[in-house]
Protein backbone atom coordinates (compact mmCIF):
# COMPACT_ATOMS: atom_id res chain seq x y z
CA UNK A 1 -53.98 -28.88 -90.93
CA UNK A 2 -54.15 -32.24 -92.67
CA UNK A 3 -51.25 -31.20 -94.97
CA UNK A 4 -49.15 -30.18 -91.91
CA UNK A 5 -49.62 -33.61 -90.34
CA UNK A 6 -48.66 -35.43 -93.53
CA UNK A 7 -45.63 -33.21 -93.92
CA UNK A 8 -44.53 -33.84 -90.34
CA UNK A 9 -44.83 -37.61 -90.82
CA UNK A 10 -42.84 -37.51 -94.07
CA UNK A 11 -40.15 -35.36 -92.37
CA UNK A 12 -39.97 -37.80 -89.48
CA UNK A 13 -39.64 -40.78 -91.81
CA UNK A 14 -36.91 -39.12 -93.87
CA UNK A 15 -34.92 -38.23 -90.77
CA UNK A 16 -35.19 -41.72 -89.27
CA UNK A 17 -34.47 -43.69 -92.44
CA UNK A 18 -30.61 -43.61 -92.19
CA UNK A 19 -30.93 -45.18 -88.75
CA UNK A 20 -32.37 -48.30 -90.33
CA UNK A 21 -29.14 -49.20 -92.15
CA UNK A 22 -27.71 -52.59 -91.29
CA UNK A 23 -24.05 -53.41 -90.85
CA UNK A 24 -22.80 -56.64 -92.36
CA UNK A 25 -20.37 -58.36 -89.99
CA UNK A 26 -17.44 -60.28 -91.49
CA UNK A 27 -15.37 -62.45 -89.16
CA UNK A 28 -11.68 -62.16 -89.94
CA UNK A 29 -9.40 -65.17 -89.36
CA UNK A 30 -5.63 -65.34 -89.90
CA UNK A 31 -5.96 -66.24 -93.61
CA UNK A 32 -8.49 -63.47 -94.27
CA UNK A 33 -6.33 -60.97 -92.37
CA UNK A 34 -3.39 -61.87 -94.67
CA UNK A 35 -5.60 -61.30 -97.73
CA UNK A 36 -6.55 -57.85 -96.40
CA UNK A 37 -2.91 -57.10 -95.44
CA UNK A 38 -3.84 -56.64 -91.82
CA UNK A 39 -1.19 -57.07 -89.10
CA UNK A 40 -1.99 -57.73 -85.46
CA UNK A 41 0.88 -57.40 -83.00
CA UNK A 42 1.15 -57.85 -79.24
CA UNK A 43 3.86 -56.92 -76.79
CA UNK A 44 4.06 -56.76 -72.98
CA UNK A 45 3.28 -53.49 -71.28
CA UNK A 46 4.14 -53.67 -67.63
CA UNK A 47 3.68 -56.66 -65.34
CA UNK A 48 0.03 -57.42 -66.17
CA UNK A 49 -0.83 -55.63 -69.38
CA UNK A 50 -0.25 -55.99 -73.14
CA UNK A 51 -0.28 -53.50 -75.97
CA UNK A 52 -2.23 -54.76 -78.96
CA UNK A 53 -1.81 -53.09 -82.40
CA UNK A 54 -3.75 -53.40 -85.67
CA UNK A 55 -2.25 -52.02 -88.85
CA UNK A 56 -3.84 -52.18 -92.32
CA UNK A 57 -3.86 -50.34 -95.65
CA UNK A 58 -6.69 -48.10 -96.88
CA UNK A 59 -6.99 -49.83 -100.22
CA UNK A 60 -9.06 -52.56 -101.81
CA UNK A 61 -11.94 -53.67 -99.56
CA UNK A 62 -10.69 -51.30 -96.83
CA UNK A 63 -10.62 -48.25 -99.14
CA UNK A 64 -13.72 -46.70 -97.54
CA UNK A 65 -12.40 -47.18 -93.99
CA UNK A 66 -14.25 -44.96 -91.50
CA UNK A 67 -13.19 -46.03 -88.01
CA UNK A 68 -11.98 -48.89 -85.78
CA UNK A 69 -13.88 -49.79 -82.58
CA UNK A 70 -12.54 -51.69 -79.64
CA UNK A 71 -15.25 -54.06 -78.45
CA UNK A 72 -15.38 -55.93 -75.12
CA UNK A 73 -17.86 -58.77 -74.80
CA UNK A 74 -18.93 -61.30 -72.29
CA UNK A 75 -19.96 -64.21 -74.39
CA UNK A 76 -22.40 -62.77 -76.95
CA UNK A 77 -23.23 -59.78 -74.73
CA UNK A 78 -21.51 -56.53 -75.77
CA UNK A 79 -20.17 -54.73 -72.69
CA UNK A 80 -18.33 -51.83 -74.39
CA UNK A 81 -17.68 -50.41 -77.82
CA UNK A 82 -15.56 -47.31 -78.40
CA UNK A 83 -13.77 -45.76 -81.31
CA UNK A 84 -9.95 -45.85 -81.32
CA UNK A 85 -7.97 -42.89 -82.54
CA UNK A 86 -6.24 -43.94 -85.78
CA UNK A 87 -2.74 -42.90 -86.75
CA UNK A 88 -2.32 -42.58 -90.52
CA UNK A 89 1.02 -42.88 -92.28
CA UNK A 90 0.75 -40.47 -95.20
CA UNK A 91 3.52 -42.21 -97.16
CA UNK A 92 2.26 -45.78 -96.96
CA UNK A 93 -1.45 -45.02 -96.60
CA UNK A 94 -1.65 -47.44 -93.66
CA UNK A 95 -3.73 -47.01 -90.52
CA UNK A 96 -2.46 -48.01 -87.09
CA UNK A 97 -4.65 -48.32 -83.96
CA UNK A 98 -3.74 -49.72 -80.59
CA UNK A 99 -4.87 -50.22 -77.01
CA UNK A 100 -3.30 -51.48 -73.81
CA UNK A 101 -5.26 -53.82 -71.48
CA UNK A 102 -4.94 -56.43 -68.78
CA UNK A 103 -3.62 -59.63 -70.39
CA UNK A 104 -6.25 -61.76 -68.61
CA UNK A 105 -9.02 -59.83 -70.36
CA UNK A 106 -7.76 -59.98 -73.97
CA UNK A 107 -9.89 -63.03 -74.81
CA UNK A 108 -12.95 -60.74 -74.45
CA UNK A 109 -11.64 -58.02 -76.80
CA UNK A 110 -12.05 -57.44 -80.55
CA UNK A 111 -11.30 -54.85 -83.16
CA UNK A 112 -14.22 -53.91 -85.44
CA UNK A 113 -12.95 -52.19 -88.60
CA UNK A 114 -15.84 -50.22 -90.05
CA UNK A 115 -15.86 -49.74 -93.83
CA UNK A 116 -18.39 -48.13 -96.13
CA UNK A 117 -21.15 -45.50 -96.13
CA UNK A 118 -24.44 -45.32 -94.30
CA UNK A 119 -26.27 -47.15 -97.07
CA UNK A 120 -24.03 -50.23 -96.73
CA UNK A 121 -21.38 -50.77 -94.12
CA UNK A 122 -19.28 -53.81 -93.34
CA UNK A 123 -17.68 -54.41 -89.98
CA UNK A 124 -14.60 -56.61 -90.10
CA UNK A 125 -14.51 -58.37 -86.70
CA UNK A 126 -11.01 -59.37 -85.49
CA UNK A 127 -10.99 -61.29 -82.21
CA UNK A 128 -7.70 -60.68 -80.39
CA UNK A 129 -7.61 -64.20 -78.96
CA UNK A 130 -7.53 -65.64 -82.53
CA UNK A 131 -4.27 -63.73 -83.25
CA UNK A 132 -2.39 -63.49 -80.00
CA UNK A 133 -1.15 -66.53 -78.14
CA UNK A 134 -1.99 -65.35 -74.65
CA UNK A 135 0.10 -68.11 -73.00
CA UNK A 136 3.25 -66.86 -74.77
CA UNK A 137 2.66 -63.18 -74.03
CA UNK A 138 4.90 -62.74 -71.01
CA UNK A 139 6.19 -59.66 -69.41
CA UNK A 140 9.85 -59.01 -68.47
CA UNK A 141 8.47 -59.00 -64.94
CA UNK A 142 7.37 -62.68 -65.11
């Protein structure tokens, strides 16, 4: 009986251990985005919305790319995080993700590019407001 209890505890610890991995967060500014060959584009999408795109290569630091999340925050409080469906260009090896949202909410949105394995991941945080001049993003309806 004692052996069974010890075995159960060891099994529980081994199953839970991957959950303890930490993610290092790296803020990405315009200069850092250029170094990583990341492109952030914005264009109007209807009277109140904008389409935001992120494109980057799967090489160098981004070689072990796993996913891109769209994150919506209110200050430091995370409201939503969801994975975006990447489009991969087989010829260039570049990834493209995008979303469309209300232009007045873009200052709350960020891309989180997840890179690495469970034993050491880095999340490259790209705040949309740092790359898109929201005052110049006008629709043809304005």
